[in-house]
Amino acid sequence: MSVISNLSQIIVLRQGSFLLVLLLDHNMGAPKRWQILSPAAQNRTLLHLATTEGFQIDRRRQRTFIVGIDISIKIEAFVATLTAAHVYHPGRAGQKLVLEKLYYYLHNLCLAPATYVCCFDGDGRPAVKRGTRVIHRPTPLVEDLKTMIRSFGFFVHEAPGEAEAELAQLNANGTIDAILTEDSDAFVFGALCVIRTVGPSVEEESLVYTLESIAKLGLDTDGMFLCALLLGGDYGAGLQGAGPTIAQALAAQGFGRSLARILTSFDGFELNKHLASWRQDLRQELRTNSSGQLERRQPMLASNIPDDFPNVAVARLYLRPLTSMSPGFTGRPPDSSSWKTTSPNIPELSRFCSTHFGWTGEDLLKKFNSNLWPGIAFKLISSPHVLYDHRTKRFASPYTNATLLKIIKHSSTTGFDVHRVRVSTDNFVALAQLDSVGVPAEIKLISVPQAILAVAMRDVSLISTDLAQDLEDSQHEGAKSTGDSASSLDDATASGAAINVTNSNNGNLIIDISDSDDEEQSTTGVIDVSGSDNEDFISAHRALAAGGLVDLSDL
């Protein structure tokens, strides 16, 4: 094994013939680069981000927000935390503690309308990477974690090389919407949106960075590439004496862009010639500050630039990472077509926790009641397949069902209204094959955004006004296909009439329009939703919502 310097700690997880080496560095994540990016950070909760950017805008027509997770970094972080607390020891017992930490992390993610893709490093990652793990062979921890991830209804993807590079490319081409990571290298690899760590609750604010907001700092992907070389990162220590302010100023002048062009265009003698010219320009700018973008001239730093800066091999690790999108890649590409909203598998999770954590009987049920059932309930309500029966107050999906017990409505000044909801857990308990005696058959109140609850309950009058333009477009489309029915709808809503909607046998919505002053007079129209993108009448809902308040209590 190579000797690697500048590492704070080396932790070895061994089980039989399996070996996992975690190389932990307290500087992992390049704090200096996060310092540069701090003005571009937006404080947003994962619940708000996934609801507004995924569920409401719904570009994918799946009502979800796809988040890629660099899961190997989470393993390292939990190992470091447990080690610092002097409770972690190599072996099966230590791996159990890490796996349990990851269980609590994953169940929290269920409380946002997102689809998660957990990405692992592959065999083609760099052999030596400062601050990250080196996986020699599969380990029980990793294999057990993959099983648990799938049981939560999340997806597992193994990158051919580094996970953050793979996720960055998937983000750049629109396959995923954001990356959850602590590693700022994601932007060097081309990421568009990075969520920097989600806390113990999806309602806690996280730092969200987008390439668009970073551009306002005068930085782009090539600029971040230069900052990584100057300040140091996973592959090298950087240039001594270069700080965040200097790196940002040089990147804003285009030194990163010109360097990237040289490294991707030339080899051999031509490469060395162009690099020598680039170094001379860099030294000249540091000595003279001719652009005026540096705070002051930096003659000492200019003199410290060695003739082999940057290290070409290191620079090309950033510019040419191995991903499933790389030219000449012959492996299997990710099956992203399957990355759709799914629900946790309750029987599998029950068996997994019994086997791996030793939770059984009443102890298991109490733990599920406090931490797993809330996420199961949220996934049920936010599922694109959910149906709601107003007579029995029952939410149902192909996976589970629950009775609505309580709603506490809440209005905010920001326009993002989140209600508090409580449902029954009798079906959850039955699926887990547990005895509910002595444990409440209901969950604690959970937060459900108004837009999600409105769609789940078919209550169009609650749908957020953020969808106004989409609703208007849908109404115009509906008017073309429904003729007089749409006209009757417009006339009725203009005069303040109430609209009652029921479900017909053939899948249409029957609209009974009653004048609010004379309930004996009414007209009936039909909106045909058989050609909708999905089977939950969303297209018709949007058309009705654009017309005014709608009572769907009989649906």
Foldseek 3Di string as FASTA:
>chain_A
DDDDPQFPDWDWADDVPFIWIWGAHPCAQPVQVVVLCVVLWDWDFLQVCFQVVAQQVPPVVFNGAEEEEQVQVLLNVQLVVCVVVVNADHYLVNLLSSLVVVLLVLLQVLQHRYAYEYEYAAPAADCAWARGIDGPDDDPSVVLSQLSCVLQVHHYYYWNGHRLLQVLVCQQVPLHVEYEDSHPLSQLSHHAKYWDDHPSHSRGITIMGGQVSVVVLLAHNLLVLQVCQQPHHTQDRHQPPDGSQNSSLVSSVPLSVQLLCLLVPDDDPSSLVSVQVSLVVVLVCLQPVVVVSHPDRHNVSNVRDDSCPPPSVSSVCSVQPGGCPHPPDDDDHDPSVPRHQDHRQLQSNLVSCCVSVVQDAPRSVVVCQARNVVSRVSSQLQGPQWAAALVQQKIDGPRWIWHWDDWAWDDDPVQWTKIWTKTFQVGSCVSNVYDCPPPGRIHGTRIDTQLSNCLNHVFLLSHGCVCVVVLVVLLVVQCVVFPVLSVVLLVLLVQPWAWEWAADPVLKIKIWTARPVGRVDTDIGIGDCPPPPDSSCVSVSSNNSNRHGYDHSND
